[in-house]
Amino acid sequence: MGILGMAVSYLLFSLLHFFQFVLAVTVCGLYGVDLQRARSQDKYVDGKWVYAEVVGALAALTAILYLVPFILRFAAVTVWSFVVFVLWIALFGLFGNMYIHEDPEGNADIQRMKNAVWVDLANAVLWLIGFVASAAYWWSHRERHSRFTGRAKLGRNASTRSTGWTA
Protein backbone atom coordinates (compact mmCIF):
# COMPACT_ATOMS: atom_id res chain seq x y z
CA MET A 1 0.00 0.00 0.00
CA GLY A 2 1.20 3.47 -0.70
CA ILE A 3 1.01 6.45 -2.97
CA LEU A 4 2.53 6.12 -6.45
CA GLY A 5 4.23 2.87 -5.49
CA MET A 6 5.93 4.27 -2.39
CA ALA A 7 5.48 2.40 0.88
CA VAL A 8 3.65 4.11 3.70
CA SER A 9 6.71 3.66 5.93
CA TYR A 10 8.87 5.58 3.45
CA LEU A 11 6.31 8.39 3.27
CA LEU A 12 6.19 8.63 7.08
CA PHE A 13 9.99 8.62 7.30
CA SER A 14 10.13 11.30 4.61
CA LEU A 15 7.69 13.47 6.54
CA LEU A 16 9.75 13.03 9.71
CA HIS A 17 12.98 13.90 7.90
CA PHE A 18 11.38 16.95 6.31
CA PHE A 19 10.47 18.33 9.74
CA GLN A 20 13.94 17.45 11.05
CA PHE A 21 15.42 19.45 8.17
CA VAL A 22 13.12 22.44 8.74
CA LEU A 23 13.90 22.63 12.46
CA ALA A 24 17.64 22.16 11.88
CA VAL A 25 17.70 25.07 9.42
CA THR A 26 15.66 27.10 11.92
CA VAL A 27 18.30 26.49 14.58
CA CYS A 28 21.03 27.54 12.16
CA GLY A 29 19.18 30.81 11.61
CA LEU A 30 18.48 31.45 15.30
CA TYR A 31 22.08 30.93 16.39
CA GLY A 32 23.58 32.39 13.21
CA VAL A 33 22.22 35.84 14.10
CA ASP A 34 24.61 36.08 17.05
CA LEU A 35 27.52 34.67 15.08
CA GLN A 36 26.98 37.21 12.30
CA ARG A 37 26.71 40.04 14.82
CA ALA A 38 29.97 38.99 16.50
CA ARG A 39 31.75 38.68 13.16
CA SER A 40 30.58 42.07 11.92
CA GLN A 41 31.70 43.75 15.15
CA ASP A 42 35.07 41.91 15.14
CA LYS A 43 34.26 40.30 18.49
CA TYR A 44 35.08 36.90 19.90
CA VAL A 45 32.94 34.10 18.45
CA ASP A 46 31.86 31.80 21.26
CA GLY A 47 32.39 28.10 20.62
CA LYS A 48 28.94 27.27 22.01
CA TRP A 49 27.29 29.07 19.12
CA VAL A 50 29.64 27.41 16.64
CA TYR A 51 28.69 24.04 18.15
CA ALA A 52 25.01 24.90 17.66
CA GLU A 53 25.65 25.75 14.00
CA VAL A 54 27.61 22.53 13.44
CA VAL A 55 24.88 20.40 15.02
CA GLY A 56 22.21 22.19 12.97
CA ALA A 57 24.20 21.76 9.75
CA LEU A 58 24.91 18.06 10.44
CA ALA A 59 21.25 17.42 11.22
CA ALA A 60 20.07 19.28 8.10
CA LEU A 61 22.52 17.42 5.86
CA THR A 62 21.58 14.10 7.44
CA ALA A 63 17.87 14.77 7.02
CA ILE A 64 18.41 15.55 3.34
CA LEU A 65 20.45 12.35 2.85
CA TYR A 66 17.79 10.31 4.63
CA LEU A 67 15.28 11.36 1.98
CA VAL A 68 17.13 9.08 -0.46
CA PRO A 69 15.16 5.80 -0.22
CA PHE A 70 17.94 3.22 -0.26
CA ILE A 71 19.97 4.90 2.52
CA LEU A 72 17.37 4.00 5.15
CA ARG A 73 18.07 0.28 4.64
CA PHE A 74 21.46 0.40 6.37
CA ALA A 75 21.91 -0.30 10.08
CA ALA A 76 24.30 2.66 10.31
CA VAL A 77 21.28 4.96 9.91
CA THR A 78 20.06 3.89 13.33
CA VAL A 79 23.45 4.48 14.95
CA TRP A 80 23.92 7.88 13.30
CA SER A 81 20.39 8.95 14.26
CA PHE A 82 21.26 8.17 17.87
CA VAL A 83 24.48 10.19 17.60
CA VAL A 84 22.55 13.18 16.22
CA PHE A 85 20.00 12.79 19.02
CA VAL A 86 22.79 12.93 21.61
CA LEU A 87 24.22 16.04 19.93
CA TRP A 88 20.82 17.75 20.14
CA ILE A 89 20.39 16.78 23.80
CA ALA A 90 23.84 18.20 24.58
CA LEU A 91 22.92 21.41 22.76
CA PHE A 92 19.63 21.65 24.66
CA GLY A 93 21.43 21.12 27.96
CA LEU A 94 24.10 23.68 27.13
CA PHE A 95 21.78 26.50 26.11
CA GLY A 96 18.92 25.44 28.38
CA ASN A 97 21.20 25.92 31.35
CA MET A 98 22.01 29.41 30.10
CA TYR A 99 18.58 30.65 28.99
CA ILE A 100 15.60 28.70 30.38
CA HIS A 101 15.53 30.53 33.72
CA GLU A 102 16.65 33.85 32.22
CA ASP A 103 14.12 36.70 32.34
CA PRO A 104 14.16 38.51 28.98
CA GLU A 105 12.85 41.79 30.46
CA GLY A 106 11.95 43.03 26.98
CA ASN A 107 15.28 41.98 25.45
CA ALA A 108 14.42 40.41 22.07
CA ASP A 109 17.80 38.64 21.82
CA ILE A 110 17.29 36.75 25.08
CA GLN A 111 13.73 35.87 24.07
CA ARG A 112 15.04 34.57 20.73
CA MET A 113 17.56 32.39 22.55
CA LYS A 114 14.89 31.10 24.93
CA ASN A 115 12.85 30.12 21.87
CA ALA A 116 15.91 28.53 20.28
CA VAL A 117 16.34 26.30 23.34
CA TRP A 118 12.84 24.88 22.85
CA VAL A 119 13.50 24.35 19.15
CA ASP A 120 16.62 22.40 20.22
CA LEU A 121 14.44 20.20 22.41
CA ALA A 122 11.93 19.68 19.57
CA ASN A 123 14.84 18.64 17.34
CA ALA A 124 16.05 16.19 19.97
CA VAL A 125 12.59 14.65 20.26
CA LEU A 126 12.28 14.30 16.47
CA TRP A 127 15.69 12.61 16.27
CA LEU A 128 14.74 10.29 19.14
CA ILE A 129 11.56 9.34 17.26
CA GLY A 130 13.66 8.80 14.13
CA PHE A 131 16.13 6.63 16.05
CA VAL A 132 13.43 4.43 17.57
CA ALA A 133 11.51 4.17 14.28
CA SER A 134 14.61 3.30 12.24
CA ALA A 135 15.68 0.71 14.82
CA ALA A 136 12.22 -0.87 14.72
CA TYR A 137 12.17 -0.76 10.91
CA TRP A 138 15.65 -2.27 10.63
CA TRP A 139 14.86 -4.98 13.18
CA SER A 140 11.65 -6.00 11.44
CA HIS A 141 13.16 -5.95 7.93
CA ARG A 142 16.56 -7.49 8.59
CA GLU A 143 17.73 -10.42 6.55
CA ARG A 144 17.72 -13.54 8.70
CA HIS A 145 19.65 -16.75 8.16
CA SER A 146 19.31 -20.24 9.58
CA ARG A 147 20.77 -20.87 12.99
CA PHE A 148 23.39 -23.55 12.37
CA THR A 149 24.91 -23.01 8.95
CA GLY A 150 23.76 -19.48 8.18
CA ARG A 151 23.28 -20.39 4.51
CA ALA A 152 19.50 -20.56 4.29
CA LYS A 153 17.62 -17.29 4.11
CA LEU A 154 14.53 -17.25 6.26
CA GLY A 155 11.34 -15.41 5.53
CA ARG A 156 9.91 -12.68 7.68
CA ASN A 157 7.77 -15.02 9.81
CA ALA A 158 9.97 -18.10 9.67
CA SER A 159 11.15 -19.66 12.86
CA THR A 160 14.79 -20.49 13.42
CA ARG A 161 13.82 -23.56 15.47
CA SER A 162 13.88 -26.97 13.94
CA THR A 163 10.36 -28.35 13.88
CA GLY A 164 11.38 -31.87 12.98
CA TRP A 165 10.86 -33.27 9.53
CA THR A 166 8.17 -35.86 8.97
CA ALA A 167 7.47 -37.78 5.77
C-alpha atoms as a PDB file:
ATOM      1  CA  MET A   1       0.000   0.000   0.000  1.00  0.00           C
ATOM      2  CA  GLY A   2       1.203   3.470  -0.696  1.00  0.00           C
ATOM      3  CA  ILE A   3       1.007   6.445  -2.968  1.00  0.00           C
ATOM      4  CA  LEU A   4       2.534   6.121  -6.454  1.00  0.00           C
ATOM      5  CA  GLY A   5       4.233   2.869  -5.490  1.00  0.00           C
ATOM      6  CA  MET A   6       5.929   4.268  -2.385  1.00  0.00           C
ATOM      7  CA  ALA A   7       5.476   2.396   0.876  1.00  0.00           C
ATOM      8  CA  VAL A   8       3.652   4.115   3.705  1.00  0.00           C
ATOM      9  CA  SER A   9       6.713   3.663   5.932  1.00  0.00           C
ATOM     10  CA  TYR A  10       8.867   5.585   3.446  1.00  0.00           C
ATOM     11  CA  LEU A  11       6.307   8.393   3.274  1.00  0.00           C
ATOM     12  CA  LEU A  12       6.193   8.630   7.076  1.00  0.00           C
ATOM     13  CA  PHE A  13       9.990   8.620   7.301  1.00  0.00           C
ATOM     14  CA  SER A  14      10.128  11.301   4.610  1.00  0.00           C
ATOM     15  CA  LEU A  15       7.693  13.474   6.542  1.00  0.00           C
ATOM     16  CA  LEU A  16       9.754  13.032   9.708  1.00  0.00           C
ATOM     17  CA  HIS A  17      12.983  13.902   7.901  1.00  0.00           C
ATOM     18  CA  PHE A  18      11.378  16.948   6.311  1.00  0.00           C
ATOM     19  CA  PHE A  19      10.471  18.328   9.736  1.00  0.00           C
ATOM     20  CA  GLN A  20      13.937  17.455  11.048  1.00  0.00           C
ATOM     21  CA  PHE A  21      15.416  19.451   8.174  1.00  0.00           C
ATOM     22  CA  VAL A  22      13.122  22.444   8.738  1.00  0.00           C
ATOM     23  CA  LEU A  23      13.903  22.626  12.456  1.00  0.00           C
ATOM     24  CA  ALA A  24      17.645  22.163  11.879  1.00  0.00           C
ATOM     25  CA  VAL A  25      17.705  25.067   9.421  1.00  0.00           C
ATOM     26  CA  THR A  26      15.659  27.102  11.916  1.00  0.00           C
ATOM     27  CA  VAL A  27      18.296  26.487  14.582  1.00  0.00           C
ATOM     28  CA  CYS A  28      21.028  27.543  12.165  1.00  0.00           C
ATOM     29  CA  GLY A  29      19.176  30.808  11.611  1.00  0.00           C
ATOM     30  CA  LEU A  30      18.479  31.449  15.296  1.00  0.00           C
ATOM     31  CA  TYR A  31      22.080  30.933  16.386  1.00  0.00           C
ATOM     32  CA  GLY A  32      23.576  32.385  13.211  1.00  0.00           C
ATOM     33  CA  VAL A  33      22.218  35.839  14.096  1.00  0.00           C
ATOM     34  CA  ASP A  34      24.605  36.076  17.054  1.00  0.00           C
ATOM     35  CA  LEU A  35      27.522  34.668  15.084  1.00  0.00           C
ATOM     36  CA  GLN A  36      26.985  37.206  12.300  1.00  0.00           C
ATOM     37  CA  ARG A  37      26.705  40.039  14.815  1.00  0.00           C
ATOM     38  CA  ALA A  38      29.966  38.986  16.502  1.00  0.00           C
ATOM     39  CA  ARG A  39      31.755  38.680  13.161  1.00  0.00           C
ATOM     40  CA  SER A  40      30.582  42.071  11.920  1.00  0.00           C
ATOM     41  CA  GLN A  41      31.702  43.754  15.154  1.00  0.00           C
ATOM     42  CA  ASP A  42      35.067  41.908  15.143  1.00  0.00           C
ATOM     43  CA  LYS A  43      34.264  40.302  18.487  1.00  0.00           C
ATOM     44  CA  TYR A  44      35.079  36.903  19.898  1.00  0.00           C
ATOM     45  CA  VAL A  45      32.937  34.096  18.447  1.00  0.00           C
ATOM     46  CA  ASP A  46      31.861  31.802  21.265  1.00  0.00           C
ATOM     47  CA  GLY A  47      32.389  28.102  20.623  1.00  0.00           C
ATOM     48  CA  LYS A  48      28.938  27.275  22.015  1.00  0.00           C
ATOM     49  CA  TRP A  49      27.286  29.074  19.116  1.00  0.00           C
ATOM     50  CA  VAL A  50      29.637  27.409  16.639  1.00  0.00           C
ATOM     51  CA  TYR A  51      28.691  24.042  18.152  1.00  0.00           C
ATOM     52  CA  ALA A  52      25.014  24.904  17.657  1.00  0.00           C
ATOM     53  CA  GLU A  53      25.646  25.748  14.001  1.00  0.00           C
ATOM     54  CA  VAL A  54      27.610  22.534  13.443  1.00  0.00           C
ATOM     55  CA  VAL A  55      24.876  20.403  15.023  1.00  0.00           C
ATOM     56  CA  GLY A  56      22.214  22.191  12.970  1.00  0.00           C
ATOM     57  CA  ALA A  57      24.197  21.756   9.752  1.00  0.00           C
ATOM     58  CA  LEU A  58      24.909  18.059  10.436  1.00  0.00           C
ATOM     59  CA  ALA A  59      21.252  17.424  11.216  1.00  0.00           C
ATOM     60  CA  ALA A  60      20.069  19.275   8.102  1.00  0.00           C
ATOM     61  CA  LEU A  61      22.521  17.417   5.864  1.00  0.00           C
ATOM     62  CA  THR A  62      21.582  14.098   7.441  1.00  0.00           C
ATOM     63  CA  ALA A  63      17.868  14.770   7.021  1.00  0.00           C
ATOM     64  CA  ILE A  64      18.413  15.546   3.337  1.00  0.00           C
ATOM     65  CA  LEU A  65      20.453  12.353   2.846  1.00  0.00           C
ATOM     66  CA  TYR A  66      17.794  10.305   4.627  1.00  0.00           C
ATOM     67  CA  LEU A  67      15.283  11.361   1.979  1.00  0.00           C
ATOM     68  CA  VAL A  68      17.125   9.081  -0.463  1.00  0.00           C
ATOM     69  CA  PRO A  69      15.164   5.805  -0.216  1.00  0.00           C
ATOM     70  CA  PHE A  70      17.944   3.217  -0.260  1.00  0.00           C
ATOM     71  CA  ILE A  71      19.965   4.902   2.519  1.00  0.00           C
ATOM     72  CA  LEU A  72      17.372   3.996   5.153  1.00  0.00           C
ATOM     73  CA  ARG A  73      18.070   0.283   4.639  1.00  0.00           C
ATOM     74  CA  PHE A  74      21.459   0.398   6.370  1.00  0.00           C
ATOM     75  CA  ALA A  75      21.913  -0.304  10.075  1.00  0.00           C
ATOM     76  CA  ALA A  76      24.302   2.662  10.314  1.00  0.00           C
ATOM     77  CA  VAL A  77      21.275   4.955   9.906  1.00  0.00           C
ATOM     78  CA  THR A  78      20.056   3.895  13.328  1.00  0.00           C
ATOM     79  CA  VAL A  79      23.446   4.483  14.953  1.00  0.00           C
ATOM     80  CA  TRP A  80      23.917   7.879  13.298  1.00  0.00           C
ATOM     81  CA  SER A  81      20.389   8.953  14.261  1.00  0.00           C
ATOM     82  CA  PHE A  82      21.257   8.166  17.869  1.00  0.00           C
ATOM     83  CA  VAL A  83      24.482  10.193  17.599  1.00  0.00           C
ATOM     84  CA  VAL A  84      22.554  13.180  16.218  1.00  0.00           C
ATOM     85  CA  PHE A  85      19.996  12.792  19.017  1.00  0.00           C
ATOM     86  CA  VAL A  86      22.789  12.928  21.612  1.00  0.00           C
ATOM     87  CA  LEU A  87      24.224  16.043  19.932  1.00  0.00           C
ATOM     88  CA  TRP A  88      20.816  17.748  20.143  1.00  0.00           C
ATOM     89  CA  ILE A  89      20.388  16.782  23.805  1.00  0.00           C
ATOM     90  CA  ALA A  90      23.838  18.202  24.577  1.00  0.00           C
ATOM     91  CA  LEU A  91      22.923  21.410  22.761  1.00  0.00           C
ATOM     92  CA  PHE A  92      19.633  21.647  24.656  1.00  0.00           C
ATOM     93  CA  GLY A  93      21.433  21.117  27.957  1.00  0.00           C
ATOM     94  CA  LEU A  94      24.096  23.681  27.131  1.00  0.00           C
ATOM     95  CA  PHE A  95      21.776  26.498  26.108  1.00  0.00           C
ATOM     96  CA  GLY A  96      18.918  25.440  28.375  1.00  0.00           C
ATOM     97  CA  ASN A  97      21.202  25.922  31.349  1.00  0.00           C
ATOM     98  CA  MET A  98      22.009  29.409  30.097  1.00  0.00           C
ATOM     99  CA  TYR A  99      18.580  30.655  28.994  1.00  0.00           C
ATOM    100  CA  ILE A 100      15.602  28.698  30.382  1.00  0.00           C
ATOM    101  CA  HIS A 101      15.527  30.528  33.716  1.00  0.00           C
ATOM    102  CA  GLU A 102      16.646  33.852  32.219  1.00  0.00           C
ATOM    103  CA  ASP A 103      14.117  36.703  32.343  1.00  0.00           C
ATOM    104  CA  PRO A 104      14.161  38.510  28.977  1.00  0.00           C
ATOM    105  CA  GLU A 105      12.846  41.793  30.456  1.00  0.00           C
ATOM    106  CA  GLY A 106      11.947  43.031  26.977  1.00  0.00           C
ATOM    107  CA  ASN A 107      15.275  41.980  25.446  1.00  0.00           C
ATOM    108  CA  ALA A 108      14.420  40.407  22.071  1.00  0.00           C
ATOM    109  CA  ASP A 109      17.798  38.642  21.823  1.00  0.00           C
ATOM    110  CA  ILE A 110      17.288  36.752  25.078  1.00  0.00           C
ATOM    111  CA  GLN A 111      13.729  35.873  24.074  1.00  0.00           C
ATOM    112  CA  ARG A 112      15.036  34.570  20.730  1.00  0.00           C
ATOM    113  CA  MET A 113      17.561  32.391  22.546  1.00  0.00           C
ATOM    114  CA  LYS A 114      14.889  31.095  24.930  1.00  0.00           C
ATOM    115  CA  ASN A 115      12.850  30.122  21.870  1.00  0.00           C
ATOM    116  CA  ALA A 116      15.914  28.529  20.285  1.00  0.00           C
ATOM    117  CA  VAL A 117      16.335  26.296  23.340  1.00  0.00           C
ATOM    118  CA  TRP A 118      12.843  24.878  22.849  1.00  0.00           C
ATOM    119  CA  VAL A 119      13.500  24.345  19.149  1.00  0.00           C
ATOM    120  CA  ASP A 120      16.621  22.402  20.217  1.00  0.00           C
ATOM    121  CA  LEU A 121      14.442  20.197  22.406  1.00  0.00           C
ATOM    122  CA  ALA A 122      11.935  19.679  19.574  1.00  0.00           C
ATOM    123  CA  ASN A 123      14.838  18.642  17.336  1.00  0.00           C
ATOM    124  CA  ALA A 124      16.054  16.187  19.973  1.00  0.00           C
ATOM    125  CA  VAL A 125      12.585  14.650  20.257  1.00  0.00           C
ATOM    126  CA  LEU A 126      12.282  14.302  16.466  1.00  0.00           C
ATOM    127  CA  TRP A 127      15.686  12.613  16.268  1.00  0.00           C
ATOM    128  CA  LEU A 128      14.735  10.291  19.137  1.00  0.00           C
ATOM    129  CA  ILE A 129      11.565   9.342  17.257  1.00  0.00           C
ATOM    130  CA  GLY A 130      13.659   8.799  14.125  1.00  0.00           C
ATOM    131  CA  PHE A 131      16.130   6.630  16.045  1.00  0.00           C
ATOM    132  CA  VAL A 132      13.430   4.431  17.573  1.00  0.00           C
ATOM    133  CA  ALA A 133      11.514   4.173  14.279  1.00  0.00           C
ATOM    134  CA  SER A 134      14.609   3.298  12.238  1.00  0.00           C
ATOM    135  CA  ALA A 135      15.676   0.712  14.823  1.00  0.00           C
ATOM    136  CA  ALA A 136      12.215  -0.868  14.715  1.00  0.00           C
ATOM    137  CA  TYR A 137      12.175  -0.760  10.905  1.00  0.00           C
ATOM    138  CA  TRP A 138      15.650  -2.272  10.626  1.00  0.00           C
ATOM    139  CA  TRP A 139      14.857  -4.982  13.182  1.00  0.00           C
ATOM    140  CA  SER A 140      11.647  -5.998  11.441  1.00  0.00           C
ATOM    141  CA  HIS A 141      13.160  -5.945   7.927  1.00  0.00           C
ATOM    142  CA  ARG A 142      16.563  -7.489   8.589  1.00  0.00           C
ATOM    143  CA  GLU A 143      17.730 -10.424   6.548  1.00  0.00           C
ATOM    144  CA  ARG A 144      17.719 -13.538   8.698  1.00  0.00           C
ATOM    145  CA  HIS A 145      19.655 -16.746   8.157  1.00  0.00           C
ATOM    146  CA  SER A 146      19.311 -20.236   9.582  1.00  0.00           C
ATOM    147  CA  ARG A 147      20.770 -20.868  12.995  1.00  0.00           C
ATOM    148  CA  PHE A 148      23.395 -23.547  12.373  1.00  0.00           C
ATOM    149  CA  THR A 149      24.911 -23.007   8.948  1.00  0.00           C
ATOM    150  CA  GLY A 150      23.762 -19.481   8.178  1.00  0.00           C
ATOM    151  CA  ARG A 151      23.280 -20.391   4.513  1.00  0.00           C
ATOM    152  CA  ALA A 152      19.497 -20.558   4.291  1.00  0.00           C
ATOM    153  CA  LYS A 153      17.620 -17.292   4.106  1.00  0.00           C
ATOM    154  CA  LEU A 154      14.529 -17.248   6.264  1.00  0.00           C
ATOM    155  CA  GLY A 155      11.338 -15.410   5.529  1.00  0.00           C
ATOM    156  CA  ARG A 156       9.913 -12.683   7.678  1.00  0.00           C
ATOM    157  CA  ASN A 157       7.770 -15.019   9.807  1.00  0.00           C
ATOM    158  CA  ALA A 158       9.975 -18.095   9.667  1.00  0.00           C
ATOM    159  CA  SER A 159      11.150 -19.658  12.865  1.00  0.00           C
ATOM    160  CA  THR A 160      14.794 -20.492  13.424  1.00  0.00           C
ATOM    161  CA  ARG A 161      13.820 -23.559  15.472  1.00  0.00           C
ATOM    162  CA  SER A 162      13.882 -26.972  13.945  1.00  0.00           C
ATOM    163  CA  THR A 163      10.363 -28.345  13.882  1.00  0.00           C
ATOM    164  CA  GLY A 164      11.385 -31.870  12.982  1.00  0.00           C
ATOM    165  CA  TRP A 165      10.860 -33.267   9.535  1.00  0.00           C
ATOM    166  CA  THR A 166       8.170 -35.856   8.969  1.00  0.00           C
ATOM    167  CA  ALA A 167       7.473 -37.777   5.769  1.00  0.00           C
END
